[in-house]
Amino acid sequence: IHPDDAAALAIADGDRVQLGNTRGEITMHARLDAGQRRGVVIHEGL
């Protein structure tokens, strides 16, 4: 997640975060990185 987006949500690097939509929600840890445009979040998997 972009650091500026994280700051607006009071999320620090390594914090547990929830993300979801109408299909469900899951939990993982945040990694702050300014390597994408604001409003974009990335999960590397699977």
ModelCIF file with pLDDT and N, C-alpha, C, O atoms, coordinates in Angstrom:
data_MODEL
#
_entry.id   MODEL 
#
_entity.id                         1 
_entity.type                       polymer 
_entity.pdbx_number_of_molecules   1 
#
_entity_poly.entity_id                      1 
_entity_poly.type                           'polypeptide(L)' 
_entity_poly.nstd_linkage                   no 
_entity_poly.nstd_monomer                   no 
_entity_poly.pdbx_seq_one_letter_code       IHPDDAAALAIADGDRVQLGNTRGEITMHARLDAGQRRGVVIHEGL 
_entity_poly.pdbx_seq_one_letter_code_can   IHPDDAAALAIADGDRVQLGNTRGEITMHARLDAGQRRGVVIHEGL 
_entity_poly.pdbx_strand_id                 A 
#
loop_
_entity_poly_seq.entity_id 
_entity_poly_seq.num 
_entity_poly_seq.mon_id 
_entity_poly_seq.hetero 
1 1  ILE n 
1 2  HIS n 
1 3  PRO n 
1 4  ASP n 
1 5  ASP n 
1 6  ALA n 
1 7  ALA n 
1 8  ALA n 
1 9  LEU n 
1 10 ALA n 
1 11 ILE n 
1 12 ALA n 
1 13 ASP n 
1 14 GLY n 
1 15 ASP n 
1 16 ARG n 
1 17 VAL n 
1 18 GLN n 
1 19 LEU n 
1 20 GLY n 
1 21 ASN n 
1 22 THR n 
1 23 ARG n 
1 24 GLY n 
1 25 GLU n 
1 26 ILE n 
1 27 THR n 
1 28 MET n 
1 29 HIS n 
1 30 ALA n 
1 31 ARG n 
1 32 LEU n 
1 33 ASP n 
1 34 ALA n 
1 35 GLY n 
1 36 GLN n 
1 37 ARG n 
1 38 ARG n 
1 39 GLY n 
1 40 VAL n 
1 41 VAL n 
1 42 ILE n 
1 43 HIS n 
1 44 GLU n 
1 45 GLY n 
1 46 LEU n 
#
_struct_asym.id          A 
_struct_asym.entity_id   1 
#
loop_
_ma_qa_metric.id 
_ma_qa_metric.mode 
_ma_qa_metric.name 
_ma_qa_metric.software_group_id 
_ma_qa_metric.type 
1 global pLDDT . pLDDT 
2 local  pLDDT . pLDDT 
#
_ma_qa_metric_global.metric_id      1 
_ma_qa_metric_global.metric_value   97.74 
_ma_qa_metric_global.model_id       1 
_ma_qa_metric_global.ordinal_id     1 
#
loop_
_ma_qa_metric_local.label_asym_id 
_ma_qa_metric_local.label_comp_id 
_ma_qa_metric_local.label_seq_id 
_ma_qa_metric_local.metric_id 
_ma_qa_metric_local.metric_value 
_ma_qa_metric_local.model_id 
_ma_qa_metric_local.ordinal_id 
A ILE 1  2 98.00 1 1  
A HIS 2  2 98.00 1 2  
A PRO 3  2 98.00 1 3  
A ASP 4  2 98.00 1 4  
A ASP 5  2 98.00 1 5  
A ALA 6  2 98.00 1 6  
A ALA 7  2 98.00 1 7  
A ALA 8  2 98.00 1 8  
A LEU 9  2 98.00 1 9  
A ALA 10 2 98.00 1 10 
A ILE 11 2 98.00 1 11 
A ALA 12 2 98.00 1 12 
A ASP 13 2 98.00 1 13 
A GLY 14 2 98.00 1 14 
A ASP 15 2 98.00 1 15 
A ARG 16 2 98.00 1 16 
A VAL 17 2 98.00 1 17 
A GLN 18 2 98.00 1 18 
A LEU 19 2 98.00 1 19 
A GLY 20 2 98.00 1 20 
A ASN 21 2 98.00 1 21 
A THR 22 2 98.00 1 22 
A ARG 23 2 98.00 1 23 
A GLY 24 2 98.00 1 24 
A GLU 25 2 98.00 1 25 
A ILE 26 2 98.00 1 26 
A THR 27 2 98.00 1 27 
A MET 28 2 98.00 1 28 
A HIS 29 2 98.00 1 29 
A ALA 30 2 98.00 1 30 
A ARG 31 2 98.00 1 31 
A LEU 32 2 98.00 1 32 
A ASP 33 2 98.00 1 33 
A ALA 34 2 98.00 1 34 
A GLY 35 2 97.00 1 35 
A GLN 36 2 97.00 1 36 
A ARG 37 2 98.00 1 37 
A ARG 38 2 98.00 1 38 
A GLY 39 2 98.00 1 39 
A VAL 40 2 98.00 1 40 
A VAL 41 2 98.00 1 41 
A ILE 42 2 98.00 1 42 
A HIS 43 2 98.00 1 43 
A GLU 44 2 97.00 1 44 
A GLY 45 2 93.00 1 45 
A LEU 46 2 94.00 1 46 
#
loop_
_atom_site.group_PDB 
_atom_site.id 
_atom_site.type_symbol 
_atom_site.label_atom_id 
_atom_site.label_alt_id 
_atom_site.label_comp_id 
_atom_site.label_asym_id 
_atom_site.label_entity_id 
_atom_site.label_seq_id 
_atom_site.pdbx_PDB_ins_code 
_atom_site.Cartn_x 
_atom_site.Cartn_y 
_atom_site.Cartn_z 
_atom_site.occupancy 
_atom_site.B_iso_or_equiv 
_atom_site.pdbx_formal_charge 
_atom_site.auth_seq_id 
_atom_site.auth_comp_id 
_atom_site.auth_asym_id 
_atom_site.auth_atom_id 
_atom_site.pdbx_PDB_model_num 
ATOM 1   N N  . ILE A 1 1  ? 0.845   -1.190  0.000  1.00 98.00 ? 1  ILE A N  1 
ATOM 2   C CA . ILE A 1 1  ? 0.000   0.000   0.000  1.00 98.00 ? 1  ILE A CA 1 
ATOM 3   C C  . ILE A 1 1  ? 0.883   1.243   0.000  1.00 98.00 ? 1  ILE A C  1 
ATOM 4   O O  . ILE A 1 1  ? 1.938   1.260   0.634  1.00 98.00 ? 1  ILE A O  1 
ATOM 5   N N  . HIS A 1 2  ? 0.454   2.274   -0.705 1.00 98.00 ? 2  HIS A N  1 
ATOM 6   C CA . HIS A 1 2  ? 1.225   3.509   -0.790 1.00 98.00 ? 2  HIS A CA 1 
ATOM 7   C C  . HIS A 1 2  ? 1.287   4.162   0.596  1.00 98.00 ? 2  HIS A C  1 
ATOM 8   O O  . HIS A 1 2  ? 0.272   4.200   1.292  1.00 98.00 ? 2  HIS A O  1 
ATOM 9   N N  . PRO A 1 3  ? 2.447   4.675   1.013  1.00 98.00 ? 3  PRO A N  1 
ATOM 10  C CA . PRO A 1 3  ? 2.561   5.287   2.350  1.00 98.00 ? 3  PRO A CA 1 
ATOM 11  C C  . PRO A 1 3  ? 1.554   6.400   2.599  1.00 98.00 ? 3  PRO A C  1 
ATOM 12  O O  . PRO A 1 3  ? 1.061   6.546   3.718  1.00 98.00 ? 3  PRO A O  1 
ATOM 13  N N  . ASP A 1 4  ? 1.242   7.188   1.574  1.00 98.00 ? 4  ASP A N  1 
ATOM 14  C CA . ASP A 1 4  ? 0.269   8.270   1.779  1.00 98.00 ? 4  ASP A CA 1 
ATOM 15  C C  . ASP A 1 4  ? -1.132  7.711   2.017  1.00 98.00 ? 4  ASP A C  1 
ATOM 16  O O  . ASP A 1 4  ? -1.883  8.239   2.837  1.00 98.00 ? 4  ASP A O  1 
ATOM 17  N N  . ASP A 1 5  ? -1.482  6.647   1.301  1.00 98.00 ? 5  ASP A N  1 
ATOM 18  C CA . ASP A 1 5  ? -2.768  5.995   1.561  1.00 98.00 ? 5  ASP A CA 1 
ATOM 19  C C  . ASP A 1 5  ? -2.784  5.381   2.955  1.00 98.00 ? 5  ASP A C  1 
ATOM 20  O O  . ASP A 1 5  ? -3.782  5.459   3.671  1.00 98.00 ? 5  ASP A O  1 
ATOM 21  N N  . ALA A 1 6  ? -1.657  4.766   3.330  1.00 98.00 ? 6  ALA A N  1 
ATOM 22  C CA . ALA A 1 6  ? -1.584  4.152   4.653  1.00 98.00 ? 6  ALA A CA 1 
ATOM 23  C C  . ALA A 1 6  ? -1.714  5.195   5.760  1.00 98.00 ? 6  ALA A C  1 
ATOM 24  O O  . ALA A 1 6  ? -2.400  4.969   6.756  1.00 98.00 ? 6  ALA A O  1 
ATOM 25  N N  . ALA A 1 7  ? -1.053  6.337   5.580  1.00 98.00 ? 7  ALA A N  1 
ATOM 26  C CA . ALA A 1 7  ? -1.125  7.392   6.598  1.00 98.00 ? 7  ALA A CA 1 
ATOM 27  C C  . ALA A 1 7  ? -2.555  7.879   6.775  1.00 98.00 ? 7  ALA A C  1 
ATOM 28  O O  . ALA A 1 7  ? -2.988  8.152   7.894  1.00 98.00 ? 7  ALA A O  1 
ATOM 29  N N  . ALA A 1 8  ? -3.283  7.989   5.678  1.00 98.00 ? 8  ALA A N  1 
ATOM 30  C CA . ALA A 1 8  ? -4.670  8.450   5.768  1.00 98.00 ? 8  ALA A CA 1 
ATOM 31  C C  . ALA A 1 8  ? -5.551  7.459   6.514  1.00 98.00 ? 8  ALA A C  1 
ATOM 32  O O  . ALA A 1 8  ? -6.596  7.828   7.049  1.00 98.00 ? 8  ALA A O  1 
ATOM 33  N N  . LEU A 1 9  ? -5.126  6.195   6.550  1.00 98.00 ? 9  LEU A N  1 
ATOM 34  C CA . LEU A 1 9  ? -5.894  5.156   7.235  1.00 98.00 ? 9  LEU A CA 1 
ATOM 35  C C  . LEU A 1 9  ? -5.270  4.772   8.573  1.00 98.00 ? 9  LEU A C  1 
ATOM 36  O O  . LEU A 1 9  ? -5.707  3.812   9.209  1.00 98.00 ? 9  LEU A O  1 
ATOM 37  N N  . ALA A 1 10 ? -4.239  5.525   9.009  1.00 98.00 ? 10 ALA A N  1 
ATOM 38  C CA . ALA A 1 10 ? -3.531  5.253   10.274 1.00 98.00 ? 10 ALA A CA 1 
ATOM 39  C C  . ALA A 1 10 ? -2.946  3.841   10.294 1.00 98.00 ? 10 ALA A C  1 
ATOM 40  O O  . ALA A 1 10 ? -2.972  3.153   11.315 1.00 98.00 ? 10 ALA A O  1 
ATOM 41  N N  . ILE A 1 11 ? -2.415  3.423   9.131  1.00 98.00 ? 11 ILE A N  1 
ATOM 42  C CA . ILE A 1 11 ? -1.795  2.107   9.005  1.00 98.00 ? 11 ILE A CA 1 
ATOM 43  C C  . ILE A 1 11 ? -0.285  2.278   8.960  1.00 98.00 ? 11 ILE A C  1 
ATOM 44  O O  . ILE A 1 11 ? 0.231   3.062   8.164  1.00 98.00 ? 11 ILE A O  1 
ATOM 45  N N  . ALA A 1 12 ? 0.422   1.549   9.811  1.00 98.00 ? 12 ALA A N  1 
ATOM 46  C CA . ALA A 1 12 ? 1.881   1.565   9.827  1.00 98.00 ? 12 ALA A CA 1 
ATOM 47  C C  . ALA A 1 12 ? 2.412   0.302   9.156  1.00 98.00 ? 12 ALA A C  1 
ATOM 48  O O  . ALA A 1 12 ? 1.700   -0.695  9.034  1.00 98.00 ? 12 ALA A O  1 
ATOM 49  N N  . ASP A 1 13 ? 3.657   0.354   8.727  1.00 98.00 ? 13 ASP A N  1 
ATOM 50  C CA . ASP A 1 13 ? 4.286   -0.803  8.098  1.00 98.00 ? 13 ASP A CA 1 
ATOM 51  C C  . ASP A 1 13 ? 4.244   -1.998  9.045  1.00 98.00 ? 13 ASP A C  1 
ATOM 52  O O  . ASP A 1 13 ? 4.654   -1.895  10.201 1.00 98.00 ? 13 ASP A O  1 
ATOM 53  N N  . GLY A 1 14 ? 3.750   -3.124  8.556  1.00 98.00 ? 14 GLY A N  1 
ATOM 54  C CA . GLY A 1 14 ? 3.656   -4.329  9.366  1.00 98.00 ? 14 GLY A CA 1 
ATOM 55  C C  . GLY A 1 14 ? 2.347   -4.504  10.105 1.00 98.00 ? 14 GLY A C  1 
ATOM 56  O O  . GLY A 1 14 ? 2.098   -5.566  10.674 1.00 98.00 ? 14 GLY A O  1 
ATOM 57  N N  . ASP A 1 15 ? 1.509   -3.490  10.108 1.00 98.00 ? 15 ASP A N  1 
ATOM 58  C CA . ASP A 1 15 ? 0.201   -3.612  10.765 1.00 98.00 ? 15 ASP A CA 1 
ATOM 59  C C  . ASP A 1 15 ? -0.655  -4.671  10.068 1.00 98.00 ? 15 ASP A C  1 
ATOM 60  O O  . ASP A 1 15 ? -0.515  -4.912  8.869  1.00 98.00 ? 15 ASP A O  1 
ATOM 61  N N  . ARG A 1 16 ? -1.526  -5.285  10.830 1.00 98.00 ? 16 ARG A N  1 
ATOM 62  C CA . ARG A 1 16 ? -2.533  -6.159  10.248 1.00 98.00 ? 16 ARG A CA 1 
ATOM 63  C C  . ARG A 1 16 ? -3.642  -5.286  9.671  1.00 98.00 ? 16 ARG A C  1 
ATOM 64  O O  . ARG A 1 16 ? -4.133  -4.358  10.315 1.00 98.00 ? 16 ARG A O  1 
ATOM 65  N N  . VAL A 1 17 ? -4.027  -5.620  8.418  1.00 98.00 ? 17 VAL A N  1 
ATOM 66  C CA . VAL A 1 17 ? -5.065  -4.849  7.755  1.00 98.00 ? 17 VAL A CA 1 
ATOM 67  C C  . VAL A 1 17 ? -6.130  -5.799  7.218  1.00 98.00 ? 17 VAL A C  1 
ATOM 68  O O  . VAL A 1 17 ? -5.861  -6.958  6.905  1.00 98.00 ? 17 VAL A O  1 
ATOM 69  N N  . GLN A 1 18 ? -7.327  -5.277  7.122  1.00 98.00 ? 18 GLN A N  1 
ATOM 70  C CA . GLN A 1 18 ? -8.414  -5.992  6.466  1.00 98.00 ? 18 GLN A CA 1 
ATOM 71  C C  . GLN A 1 18 ? -8.689  -5.333  5.121  1.00 98.00 ? 18 GLN A C  1 
ATOM 72  O O  . GLN A 1 18 ? -8.574  -4.116  4.975  1.00 98.00 ? 18 GLN A O  1 
ATOM 73  N N  . LEU A 1 19 ? -9.048  -6.139  4.159  1.00 98.00 ? 19 LEU A N  1 
ATOM 74  C CA . LEU A 1 19 ? -9.516  -5.611  2.886  1.00 98.00 ? 19 LEU A CA 1 
ATOM 75  C C  . LEU A 1 19 ? -10.672 -6.475  2.419  1.00 98.00 ? 19 LEU A C  1 
ATOM 76  O O  . LEU A 1 19 ? -10.715 -7.678  2.674  1.00 98.00 ? 19 LEU A O  1 
ATOM 77  N N  . GLY A 1 20 ? -11.612 -5.835  1.728  1.00 98.00 ? 20 GLY A N  1 
ATOM 78  C CA . GLY A 1 20 ? -12.773 -6.602  1.322  1.00 98.00 ? 20 GLY A CA 1 
ATOM 79  C C  . GLY A 1 20 ? -13.650 -5.878  0.325  1.00 98.00 ? 20 GLY A C  1 
ATOM 80  O O  . GLY A 1 20 ? -13.385 -4.742  -0.069 1.00 98.00 ? 20 GLY A O  1 
ATOM 81  N N  . ASN A 1 21 ? -14.700 -6.571  -0.070 1.00 98.00 ? 21 ASN A N  1 
ATOM 82  C CA . ASN A 1 21 ? -15.724 -6.025  -0.959 1.00 98.00 ? 21 ASN A CA 1 
ATOM 83  C C  . ASN A 1 21 ? -16.974 -6.866  -0.761 1.00 98.00 ? 21 ASN A C  1 
ATOM 84  O O  . ASN A 1 21 ? -17.087 -7.576  0.238  1.00 98.00 ? 21 ASN A O  1 
ATOM 85  N N  . THR A 1 22 ? -17.899 -6.801  -1.682 1.00 98.00 ? 22 THR A N  1 
ATOM 86  C CA . THR A 1 22 ? -19.150 -7.526  -1.507 1.00 98.00 ? 22 THR A CA 1 
ATOM 87  C C  . THR A 1 22 ? -18.963 -9.034  -1.554 1.00 98.00 ? 22 THR A C  1 
ATOM 88  O O  . THR A 1 22 ? -19.866 -9.771  -1.156 1.00 98.00 ? 22 THR A O  1 
ATOM 89  N N  . ARG A 1 23 ? -17.807 -9.519  -2.032 1.00 98.00 ? 23 ARG A N  1 
ATOM 90  C CA . ARG A 1 23 ? -17.567 -10.957 -2.131 1.00 98.00 ? 23 ARG A CA 1 
ATOM 91  C C  . ARG A 1 23 ? -17.002 -11.547 -0.847 1.00 98.00 ? 23 ARG A C  1 
ATOM 92  O O  . ARG A 1 23 ? -17.072 -12.759 -0.642 1.00 98.00 ? 23 ARG A O  1 
ATOM 93  N N  . GLY A 1 24 ? -16.441 -10.708 0.022  1.00 98.00 ? 24 GLY A N  1 
ATOM 94  C CA . GLY A 1 24 ? -15.864 -11.204 1.263  1.00 98.00 ? 24 GLY A CA 1 
ATOM 95  C C  . GLY A 1 24 ? -14.810 -10.266 1.797  1.00 98.00 ? 24 GLY A C  1 
ATOM 96  O O  . GLY A 1 24 ? -14.658 -9.147  1.306  1.00 98.00 ? 24 GLY A O  1 
ATOM 97  N N  . GLU A 1 25 ? -14.087 -10.712 2.794  1.00 98.00 ? 25 GLU A N  1 
ATOM 98  C CA . GLU A 1 25 ? -13.014 -9.910  3.370  1.00 98.00 ? 25 GLU A CA 1 
ATOM 99  C C  . GLU A 1 25 ? -11.933 -10.852 3.903  1.00 98.00 ? 25 GLU A C  1 
ATOM 100 O O  . GLU A 1 25 ? -12.228 -11.969 4.330  1.00 98.00 ? 25 GLU A O  1 
ATOM 101 N N  . ILE A 1 26 ? -10.694 -10.398 3.874  1.00 98.00 ? 26 ILE A N  1 
ATOM 102 C CA . ILE A 1 26 ? -9.565  -11.175 4.373  1.00 98.00 ? 26 ILE A CA 1 
ATOM 103 C C  . ILE A 1 26 ? -8.629  -10.259 5.141  1.00 98.00 ? 26 ILE A C  1 
ATOM 104 O O  . ILE A 1 26 ? -8.755  -9.035  5.089  1.00 98.00 ? 26 ILE A O  1 
ATOM 105 N N  . THR A 1 27 ? -7.689  -10.864 5.853  1.00 98.00 ? 27 THR A N  1 
ATOM 106 C CA . THR A 1 27 ? -6.748  -10.120 6.683  1.00 98.00 ? 27 THR A CA 1 
ATOM 107 C C  . THR A 1 27 ? -5.324  -10.525 6.334  1.00 98.00 ? 27 THR A C  1 
ATOM 108 O O  . THR A 1 27 ? -5.048  -11.702 6.105  1.00 98.00 ? 27 THR A O  1 
ATOM 109 N N  . MET A 1 28 ? -4.422  -9.553  6.294  1.00 98.00 ? 28 MET A N  1 
ATOM 110 C CA . MET A 1 28 ? -2.993  -9.806  6.104  1.00 98.00 ? 28 MET A CA 1 
ATOM 111 C C  . MET A 1 28 ? -2.219  -8.630  6.679  1.00 98.00 ? 28 MET A C  1 
ATOM 112 O O  . MET A 1 28 ? -2.811  -7.744  7.295  1.00 98.00 ? 28 MET A O  1 
ATOM 113 N N  . HIS A 1 29 ? -0.918  -8.609  6.490  1.00 98.00 ? 29 HIS A N  1 
ATOM 114 C CA . HIS A 1 29 ? -0.077  -7.531  7.000  1.00 98.00 ? 29 HIS A CA 1 
ATOM 115 C C  . HIS A 1 29 ? 0.212   -6.507  5.907  1.00 98.00 ? 29 HIS A C  1 
ATOM 116 O O  . HIS A 1 29 ? 0.295   -6.841  4.726  1.00 98.00 ? 29 HIS A O  1 
ATOM 117 N N  . ALA A 1 30 ? 0.361   -5.264  6.325  1.00 98.00 ? 30 ALA A N  1 
ATOM 118 C CA . ALA A 1 30 ? 0.646   -4.177  5.394  1.00 98.00 ? 30 ALA A CA 1 
ATOM 119 C C  . ALA A 1 30 ? 2.146   -4.052  5.152  1.00 98.00 ? 30 ALA A C  1 
ATOM 120 O O  . ALA A 1 30 ? 2.953   -4.211  6.068  1.00 98.00 ? 30 ALA A O  1 
ATOM 121 N N  . ARG A 1 31 ? 2.503   -3.764  3.904  1.00 98.00 ? 31 ARG A N  1 
ATOM 122 C CA . ARG A 1 31 ? 3.878   -3.388  3.567  1.00 98.00 ? 31 ARG A CA 1 
ATOM 123 C C  . ARG A 1 31 ? 3.819   -2.073  2.808  1.00 98.00 ? 31 ARG A C  1 
ATOM 124 O O  . ARG A 1 31 ? 3.243   -2.000  1.722  1.00 98.00 ? 31 ARG A O  1 
ATOM 125 N N  . LEU A 1 32 ? 4.408   -1.048  3.371  1.00 98.00 ? 32 LEU A N  1 
ATOM 126 C CA . LEU A 1 32 ? 4.329   0.279   2.771  1.00 98.00 ? 32 LEU A CA 1 
ATOM 127 C C  . LEU A 1 32 ? 5.392   0.431   1.687  1.00 98.00 ? 32 LEU A C  1 
ATOM 128 O O  . LEU A 1 32 ? 6.566   0.126   1.893  1.00 98.00 ? 32 LEU A O  1 
ATOM 129 N N  . ASP A 1 33 ? 4.945   0.914   0.525  1.00 98.00 ? 33 ASP A N  1 
ATOM 130 C CA . ASP A 1 33 ? 5.852   1.085   -0.606 1.00 98.00 ? 33 ASP A CA 1 
ATOM 131 C C  . ASP A 1 33 ? 5.238   2.121   -1.534 1.00 98.00 ? 33 ASP A C  1 
ATOM 132 O O  . ASP A 1 33 ? 4.053   2.049   -1.862 1.00 98.00 ? 33 ASP A O  1 
ATOM 133 N N  . ALA A 1 34 ? 6.047   3.082   -1.955 1.00 98.00 ? 34 ALA A N  1 
ATOM 134 C CA . ALA A 1 34 ? 5.555   4.147   -2.835 1.00 98.00 ? 34 ALA A CA 1 
ATOM 135 C C  . ALA A 1 34 ? 5.706   3.785   -4.312 1.00 98.00 ? 34 ALA A C  1 
ATOM 136 O O  . ALA A 1 34 ? 5.720   4.675   -5.162 1.00 98.00 ? 34 ALA A O  1 
ATOM 137 N N  . GLY A 1 35 ? 5.817   2.504   -4.629 1.00 97.00 ? 35 GLY A N  1 
ATOM 138 C CA . GLY A 1 35 ? 6.066   2.058   -5.996 1.00 97.00 ? 35 GLY A CA 1 
ATOM 139 C C  . GLY A 1 35 ? 4.841   1.888   -6.849 1.00 97.00 ? 35 GLY A C  1 
ATOM 140 O O  . GLY A 1 35 ? 4.924   1.259   -7.904 1.00 97.00 ? 35 GLY A O  1 
ATOM 141 N N  . GLN A 1 36 ? 3.693   2.421   -6.442 1.00 97.00 ? 36 GLN A N  1 
ATOM 142 C CA . GLN A 1 36 ? 2.499   2.381   -7.270 1.00 97.00 ? 36 GLN A CA 1 
ATOM 143 C C  . GLN A 1 36 ? 1.737   3.689   -7.102 1.00 97.00 ? 36 GLN A C  1 
ATOM 144 O O  . GLN A 1 36 ? 2.013   4.458   -6.181 1.00 97.00 ? 36 GLN A O  1 
ATOM 145 N N  . ARG A 1 37 ? 0.793   3.938   -7.976 1.00 98.00 ? 37 ARG A N  1 
ATOM 146 C CA . ARG A 1 37 ? -0.030  5.134   -7.860 1.00 98.00 ? 37 ARG A CA 1 
ATOM 147 C C  . ARG A 1 37 ? -0.903  5.038   -6.615 1.00 98.00 ? 37 ARG A C  1 
ATOM 148 O O  . ARG A 1 37 ? -1.252  3.943   -6.173 1.00 98.00 ? 37 ARG A O  1 
ATOM 149 N N  . ARG A 1 38 ? -1.245  6.164   -6.067 1.00 98.00 ? 38 ARG A N  1 
ATOM 150 C CA . ARG A 1 38 ? -2.159  6.159   -4.929 1.00 98.00 ? 38 ARG A CA 1 
ATOM 151 C C  . ARG A 1 38 ? -3.500  5.546   -5.333 1.00 98.00 ? 38 ARG A C  1 
ATOM 152 O O  . ARG A 1 38 ? -3.959  5.707   -6.464 1.00 98.00 ? 38 ARG A O  1 
ATOM 153 N N  . GLY A 1 39 ? -4.100  4.860   -4.408 1.00 98.00 ? 39 GLY A N  1 
ATOM 154 C CA . GLY A 1 39 ? -5.359  4.193   -4.687 1.00 98.00 ? 39 GLY A CA 1 
ATOM 155 C C  . GLY A 1 39 ? -5.200  2.793   -5.246 1.00 98.00 ? 39 GLY A C  1 
ATOM 156 O O  . GLY A 1 39 ? -6.194  2.121   -5.521 1.00 98.00 ? 39 GLY A O  1 
ATOM 157 N N  . VAL A 1 40 ? -3.952  2.337   -5.421 1.00 98.00 ? 40 VAL A N  1 
ATOM 158 C CA . VAL A 1 40 ? -3.671  0.994   -5.935 1.00 98.00 ? 40 VAL A CA 1 
ATOM 159 C C  . VAL A 1 40 ? -3.020  0.176   -4.821 1.00 98.00 ? 40 VAL A C  1 
ATOM 160 O O  . VAL A 1 40 ? -2.068  0.634   -4.189 1.00 98.00 ? 40 VAL A O  1 
ATOM 161 N N  . VAL A 1 41 ? -3.528  -1.031  -4.579 1.00 98.00 ? 41 VAL A N  1 
ATOM 162 C CA . VAL A 1 41 ? -2.919  -1.948  -3.617 1.00 98.00 ? 41 VAL A CA 1 
ATOM 163 C C  . VAL A 1 41 ? -2.598  -3.249  -4.337 1.00 98.00 ? 41 VAL A C  1 
ATOM 164 O O  . VAL A 1 41 ? -3.301  -3.657  -5.261 1.00 98.00 ? 41 VAL A O  1 
ATOM 165 N N  . ILE A 1 42 ? -1.526  -3.891  -3.897 1.00 98.00 ? 42 ILE A N  1 
ATOM 166 C CA . ILE A 1 42 ? -1.016  -5.093  -4.556 1.00 98.00 ? 42 ILE A CA 1 
ATOM 167 C C  . ILE A 1 42 ? -0.883  -6.207  -3.528 1.00 98.00 ? 42 ILE A C  1 
ATOM 168 O O  . ILE A 1 42 ? -0.402  -5.990  -2.416 1.00 98.00 ? 42 ILE A O  1 
ATOM 169 N N  . HIS A 1 43 ? -1.312  -7.390  -3.913 1.00 98.00 ? 43 HIS A N  1 
ATOM 170 C CA . HIS A 1 43 ? -0.993  -8.591  -3.124 1.00 98.00 ? 43 HIS A CA 1 
ATOM 171 C C  . HIS A 1 43 ? -0.279  -9.575  -4.039 1.00 98.00 ? 43 HIS A C  1 
ATOM 172 O O  . HIS A 1 43 ? -0.804  -9.947  -5.089 1.00 98.00 ? 43 HIS A O  1 
ATOM 173 N N  . GLU A 1 44 ? 0.924   -9.998  -3.640 1.00 97.00 ? 44 GLU A N  1 
ATOM 174 C CA . GLU A 1 44 ? 1.696   -10.966 -4.421 1.00 97.00 ? 44 GLU A CA 1 
ATOM 175 C C  . GLU A 1 44 ? 1.430   -12.367 -3.886 1.00 97.00 ? 44 GLU A C  1 
ATOM 176 O O  . GLU A 1 44 ? 1.533   -12.606 -2.682 1.00 97.00 ? 44 GLU A O  1 
ATOM 177 N N  . GLY A 1 45 ? 1.096   -13.275 -4.761 1.00 93.00 ? 45 GLY A N  1 
ATOM 178 C CA . GLY A 1 45 ? 0.752   -14.639 -4.352 1.00 93.00 ? 45 GLY A CA 1 
ATOM 179 C C  . GLY A 1 45 ? 1.064   -15.633 -5.461 1.00 93.00 ? 45 GLY A C  1 
ATOM 180 O O  . GLY A 1 45 ? 1.791   -15.306 -6.399 1.00 93.00 ? 45 GLY A O  1 
ATOM 181 N N  . LEU A 1 46 ? 0.524   -16.842 -5.365 1.00 94.00 ? 46 LEU A N  1 
ATOM 182 C CA . LEU A 1 46 ? -0.628  -17.213 -4.570 1.00 94.00 ? 46 LEU A CA 1 
ATOM 183 C C  . LEU A 1 46 ? -0.196  -17.988 -3.313 1.00 94.00 ? 46 LEU A C  1 
ATOM 184 O O  . LEU A 1 46 ? -1.042  -18.388 -2.514 1.00 94.00 ? 46 LEU A O  1 
#
